[in-house]
Protein backbone atom coordinates (compact mmCIF):
# COMPACT_ATOMS: atom_id res chain seq x y z
CA MET A 1 0.00 0.00 0.00
CA ARG A 2 2.81 2.39 0.90
CA ARG A 3 4.43 1.82 -2.50
CA LEU A 4 1.12 2.52 -4.20
CA VAL A 5 0.76 5.78 -2.28
CA TYR A 6 4.30 6.82 -3.24
CA ALA A 7 3.67 5.94 -6.88
CA LEU A 8 0.42 7.90 -6.90
CA ALA A 9 2.13 10.89 -5.30
CA ALA A 10 4.93 10.75 -7.88
CA PHE A 11 2.39 10.52 -10.70
CA LEU A 12 0.46 13.52 -9.39
CA ALA A 13 3.66 15.51 -8.98
CA LEU A 14 4.70 14.70 -12.53
CA GLY A 15 1.27 15.71 -13.77
CA ALA A 16 1.55 19.01 -11.94
CA VAL A 17 4.94 19.66 -13.54
CA VAL A 18 3.61 18.85 -17.02
CA LEU A 19 0.56 21.07 -16.47
CA ALA A 20 2.74 23.91 -15.18
CA ARG A 21 5.00 23.67 -18.21
CA ALA A 22 2.03 23.60 -20.56
CA GLU A 23 0.55 26.67 -18.87
CA ALA A 24 3.92 28.45 -19.08
CA ALA A 25 4.23 27.60 -22.78
CA ASP A 26 0.70 28.84 -23.42
CA PHE A 27 1.44 32.07 -21.53
CA GLU A 28 4.61 32.58 -23.58
CA LEU A 29 2.69 32.04 -26.82
CA GLN A 30 -0.02 34.50 -25.79
CA GLU A 31 2.62 37.06 -24.81
CA ALA A 32 4.39 36.60 -28.15
CA ARG A 33 1.11 37.09 -30.02
CA ALA A 34 0.34 40.21 -28.02
CA GLN A 35 3.77 41.67 -28.76
CA LEU A 36 3.72 40.71 -32.43
CA SER A 37 0.22 42.04 -33.13
CA PRO A 38 -0.72 44.58 -30.42
CA THR A 39 -3.54 45.96 -32.59
CA GLY A 40 -5.04 42.54 -33.30
CA LYS A 41 -3.51 42.55 -36.77
CA LEU A 42 0.00 41.80 -38.00
CA ARG A 43 1.15 45.07 -39.53
CA ALA A 44 3.94 44.15 -41.95
CA ALA A 45 6.07 46.74 -43.74
CA PHE A 46 6.95 45.97 -47.35
CA LEU A 47 9.41 47.99 -49.44
CA LEU A 48 8.55 47.61 -53.12
CA THR A 49 11.95 48.55 -54.57
CA ASN A 50 13.59 45.11 -54.32
CA PRO A 51 12.22 42.66 -56.96
CA ALA A 52 14.10 39.80 -55.31
CA LEU A 53 11.71 40.13 -52.36
CA VAL A 54 8.54 41.68 -53.78
CA THR A 55 7.47 40.58 -57.26
CA GLY A 56 4.33 42.72 -57.36
CA GLN A 57 1.16 43.70 -55.57
CA GLN A 58 -2.54 43.67 -56.34
CA GLY A 59 -5.38 44.96 -54.23
CA GLY A 60 -3.05 45.49 -51.30
CA GLU A 61 -1.73 41.92 -51.43
CA VAL A 62 2.04 41.70 -51.74
CA ARG A 63 3.39 38.95 -53.96
CA GLY A 64 6.77 37.29 -53.68
CA LEU A 65 8.94 35.79 -50.96
CA VAL A 66 8.30 38.31 -48.17
CA GLY A 67 4.58 38.42 -48.90
CA ASP A 68 4.39 34.64 -48.56
CA LEU A 69 6.27 34.71 -45.26
CA ALA A 70 4.22 37.52 -43.74
CA ARG A 71 0.97 35.72 -44.60
CA ALA A 72 2.31 32.51 -43.07
CA ILE A 73 3.29 34.30 -39.83
CA ALA A 74 -0.13 35.97 -39.58
CA GLU A 75 -1.79 32.59 -40.09
CA ARG A 76 0.49 31.05 -37.48
CA ILE A 77 -0.60 33.49 -34.78
CA GLY A 78 -4.21 33.61 -35.96
CA VAL A 79 -4.57 37.28 -36.89
CA PRO A 80 -5.26 39.15 -40.16
CA LEU A 81 -2.29 40.50 -42.12
CA GLN A 82 -2.28 44.27 -42.63
CA PRO A 83 0.32 45.27 -45.25
CA ARG A 84 2.08 48.61 -44.85
CA ILE A 85 3.42 49.35 -48.32
CA TYR A 86 6.28 51.77 -49.04
CA SER A 87 7.19 52.58 -52.62
CA THR A 88 10.56 54.20 -51.90
CA ARG A 89 13.40 53.72 -49.43
CA GLY A 90 12.87 57.27 -48.19
CA THR A 91 9.21 56.77 -47.30
CA PHE A 92 10.05 53.56 -45.48
CA GLU A 93 12.84 55.21 -43.49
CA SER A 94 10.48 58.02 -42.49
CA SER A 95 8.27 55.38 -40.83
CA LEU A 96 11.02 54.13 -38.51
CA GLY A 97 10.17 54.55 -34.85
CA ARG A 98 6.67 55.87 -35.54
CA GLY A 99 4.76 52.70 -34.64
CA GLU A 100 3.32 52.20 -38.11
CA TRP A 101 4.22 48.50 -38.35
CA ASP A 102 5.13 45.48 -36.24
CA ILE A 103 7.58 43.72 -38.57
CA GLU A 104 9.53 44.66 -41.67
CA LEU A 105 10.81 42.11 -44.19
CA ASP A 106 13.85 43.35 -46.06
CA THR A 107 17.62 43.09 -46.35
CA ARG A 108 19.45 43.51 -43.06
CA SER A 109 20.72 47.07 -42.46
CA ALA A 110 22.94 48.40 -39.68
CA ARG A 111 21.24 51.79 -40.17
CA TYR A 112 18.01 50.45 -38.70
CA ALA A 113 19.52 48.79 -35.62
CA SER A 114 18.12 51.52 -33.35
CA PHE A 115 14.58 50.75 -34.47
CA VAL A 116 14.39 46.98 -34.97
CA ASP A 117 15.68 43.73 -33.55
CA TYR A 118 16.61 41.41 -36.38
CA SER A 119 15.71 37.76 -36.67
CA ALA A 120 18.07 35.14 -38.01
CA ASN A 121 18.67 35.47 -41.75
CA PHE A 122 16.16 33.55 -43.82
CA ALA A 123 17.53 34.23 -47.34
CA THR A 124 20.49 35.69 -49.21
CA ILE A 125 20.58 37.75 -52.42
CA ASP A 126 23.50 37.65 -54.85
CA GLN A 127 24.87 40.98 -56.07
CA VAL A 128 26.33 40.69 -59.57
CA TYR A 129 27.57 42.70 -62.54
CA LEU A 130 25.86 42.91 -65.93
CA VAL A 131 28.20 43.84 -68.79
CA GLY A 132 26.87 46.19 -71.47
CA PRO A 133 26.71 45.24 -75.18
CA GLY A 134 30.09 45.32 -76.88
CA LYS A 135 32.07 45.73 -73.64
CA THR A 136 35.07 43.47 -73.12
CA LEU A 137 35.22 42.84 -69.36
CA LYS A 138 35.36 39.13 -68.61
CA GLU A 139 35.91 38.74 -64.85
CA LEU A 140 35.27 40.49 -61.56
CA ALA A 141 38.90 41.49 -61.10
CA GLU A 142 38.70 43.74 -64.19
CA VAL A 143 35.91 45.92 -62.81
CA ASP A 144 37.85 48.08 -60.36
CA ARG A 145 40.26 49.69 -62.82
CA LYS A 146 40.79 53.22 -64.06
CA GLY A 147 38.68 54.01 -67.09
CA VAL A 148 35.94 51.55 -66.15
CA ARG A 149 32.53 53.05 -65.42
CA VAL A 150 30.42 51.12 -62.93
CA ALA A 151 26.72 51.96 -62.64
CA THR A 152 24.44 51.03 -59.76
CA THR A 153 21.00 51.89 -58.41
CA GLU A 154 20.56 54.71 -55.92
CA ASN A 155 19.68 53.61 -52.37
CA SER A 156 20.17 49.94 -53.21
CA ASP A 157 22.16 47.38 -51.25
CA ALA A 158 24.58 47.20 -54.17
CA GLU A 159 25.24 50.94 -54.04
CA GLY A 160 26.60 50.82 -50.51
CA ILE A 161 28.76 47.80 -51.26
CA ILE A 162 30.16 49.25 -54.49
CA PHE A 163 30.97 52.62 -52.93
CA GLY A 164 32.69 50.80 -50.08
CA THR A 165 34.83 48.54 -52.25
CA ILE A 166 35.47 50.21 -55.63
CA LYS A 167 38.59 52.39 -55.49
CA GLU A 168 39.76 52.99 -59.07
CA ALA A 169 36.71 52.77 -61.32
CA GLN A 170 34.22 55.60 -61.78
CA ILE A 171 30.85 55.01 -60.08
CA LEU A 172 27.60 56.23 -61.63
CA ARG A 173 24.41 56.35 -59.55
CA VAL A 174 21.14 55.72 -61.40
CA PRO A 175 17.54 56.27 -60.19
CA PRO A 176 15.68 53.01 -59.38
CA GLU A 177 14.01 52.72 -62.77
CA SER A 178 14.84 49.92 -65.21
CA GLU A 179 14.53 52.30 -68.16
CA LYS A 180 17.44 54.36 -66.78
CA ALA A 181 19.64 51.30 -66.42
CA ILE A 182 18.79 50.10 -69.92
CA SER A 183 19.51 53.51 -71.41
CA LEU A 184 22.86 53.76 -69.63
CA LEU A 185 24.07 50.35 -70.81
CA LYS A 186 22.68 50.73 -74.31
CA SER A 187 24.41 54.09 -74.81
CA GLY A 188 27.73 52.67 -73.64
CA ALA A 189 27.99 55.23 -70.85
CA ALA A 190 28.86 52.43 -68.41
CA GLU A 191 30.77 49.20 -68.88
CA VAL A 192 28.91 47.31 -66.16
CA PHE A 193 25.88 47.64 -63.92
CA GLY A 194 26.00 46.26 -60.38
CA ASP A 195 22.83 45.20 -58.58
CA SER A 196 20.93 42.12 -57.43
CA ALA A 197 20.86 39.16 -59.81
CA GLU A 198 17.05 39.28 -59.90
CA TYR A 199 16.91 42.96 -60.86
CA LEU A 200 19.57 42.61 -63.53
CA ALA A 201 17.97 39.47 -64.97
CA GLY A 202 15.02 41.68 -65.91
CA ILE A 203 17.36 44.20 -67.54
CA ALA A 204 19.24 41.49 -69.45
CA ALA A 205 15.99 40.05 -70.81
CA GLN A 206 15.30 43.40 -72.47
CA MET A 207 18.83 43.94 -73.82
CA PRO A 208 20.36 41.52 -76.32
CA GLY A 209 24.15 41.50 -76.15
CA THR A 210 24.43 41.90 -72.38
CA ARG A 211 26.03 39.20 -70.24
CA PHE A 212 26.79 38.56 -66.59
CA LEU A 213 30.31 38.48 -65.23
CA PRO A 214 30.97 35.07 -63.65
CA GLY A 215 30.50 34.98 -59.88
CA ARG A 216 29.09 37.59 -57.52
CA PHE A 217 30.70 40.60 -55.87
CA ALA A 218 28.64 40.30 -52.67
CA THR A 219 25.84 38.41 -50.95
CA VAL A 220 23.23 40.36 -48.97
CA PRO A 221 21.36 38.73 -46.05
CA VAL A 222 17.59 39.04 -45.64
CA ALA A 223 15.89 38.98 -42.24
CA ILE A 224 12.75 40.07 -40.42
CA GLY A 225 13.01 43.20 -38.35
CA VAL A 226 10.75 43.23 -35.29
CA ALA A 227 9.98 46.61 -33.72
CA ARG A 228 12.39 47.11 -30.79
CA GLY A 229 11.48 45.98 -27.30
CA ARG A 230 9.43 42.89 -28.18
CA PRO A 231 11.61 39.91 -27.16
CA ALA A 232 8.78 37.36 -27.10
CA ALA A 233 7.73 38.40 -30.60
CA LEU A 234 11.30 38.07 -31.86
CA ALA A 235 11.59 34.60 -30.34
CA LEU A 236 8.36 33.53 -32.06
CA VAL A 237 9.55 34.90 -35.41
CA ASN A 238 12.86 33.04 -35.09
CA GLN A 239 11.04 29.82 -34.25
CA PHE A 240 8.77 30.30 -37.27
CA LEU A 241 11.73 30.90 -39.60
CA GLN A 242 13.53 27.82 -38.32
CA GLU A 243 10.44 25.74 -39.09
CA ALA A 244 9.94 27.48 -42.46
CA LYS A 245 13.46 26.51 -43.50
CA ALA A 246 13.07 22.92 -42.31
CA SER A 247 9.68 22.46 -43.99
CA GLY A 248 10.86 23.89 -47.31
CA LEU A 249 8.39 26.79 -47.20
CA ILE A 250 11.05 29.39 -48.01
CA LYS A 251 12.61 27.27 -50.76
CA ARG A 252 9.21 26.68 -52.39
CA SER A 253 8.41 30.40 -52.30
CA ILE A 254 11.72 31.23 -54.02
CA GLU A 255 11.11 28.60 -56.69
CA ARG A 256 7.49 29.66 -57.22
CA ALA A 257 8.60 33.24 -57.92
CA HIS A 258 11.42 32.04 -60.24
CA LEU A 259 13.91 34.29 -58.46
CA HIS A 260 17.50 34.66 -59.70
CA GLY A 261 20.36 34.63 -57.20
CA VAL A 262 18.13 34.17 -54.14
CA SER A 263 18.87 31.28 -51.77
CA VAL A 264 17.67 29.99 -48.42
CA ALA A 265 20.06 31.23 -45.73
CA PRO A 266 22.07 28.53 -43.93
């Protein structure tokens, strides 16, 4: 009888521990939901200038990799997705610290570290060079030389990298419009154009005679920025991304959008 009493007591104690852990896990999940969607909706900021992340929008619905992920996160926590769409880098930066959104899905930037806590990287974007028609450059090492004109898009990830690494070549900044890039390469005003592989694939498709230099000059990481001061929300986002990588969700989204130079982050 005494053994039975001890066994019953041990069983009840174990049950209490399991129940306490379950209640703690449920509390943590509720806290994460509250931090991630304090208005009852997941307000996600989307910057439309990067075609490797956003392939288009219709009726307020953002298409592409980051749109897929934001919808999946909103579904995970059981709230509606409310897109906050910014058409330029400047308009997005003016929203920083103003409480307009809960998460932002974009390339990682040290400039925003005062406003967001970043998740683990979920993708990477290759930065490459497209050679203009009739130009003779054949490898990356030939780009940074006197007399070479290197064009890139204003306020792009490639611009910061190119200005930080190119020492001898002349750098030309171009507004973020494909027509400007096409005109520059077609006129011969620049030998190469540096930007994301996805952006330049669209340019190359419109310009016979262009070609890519082998390799890439940089790889840019992509992460989710959670508004500062929401640790439970950040933990939930990181858990979601880990599962999204393992399940193939991110890989399928990249393949569905037919993206060039975009890979699942290790």
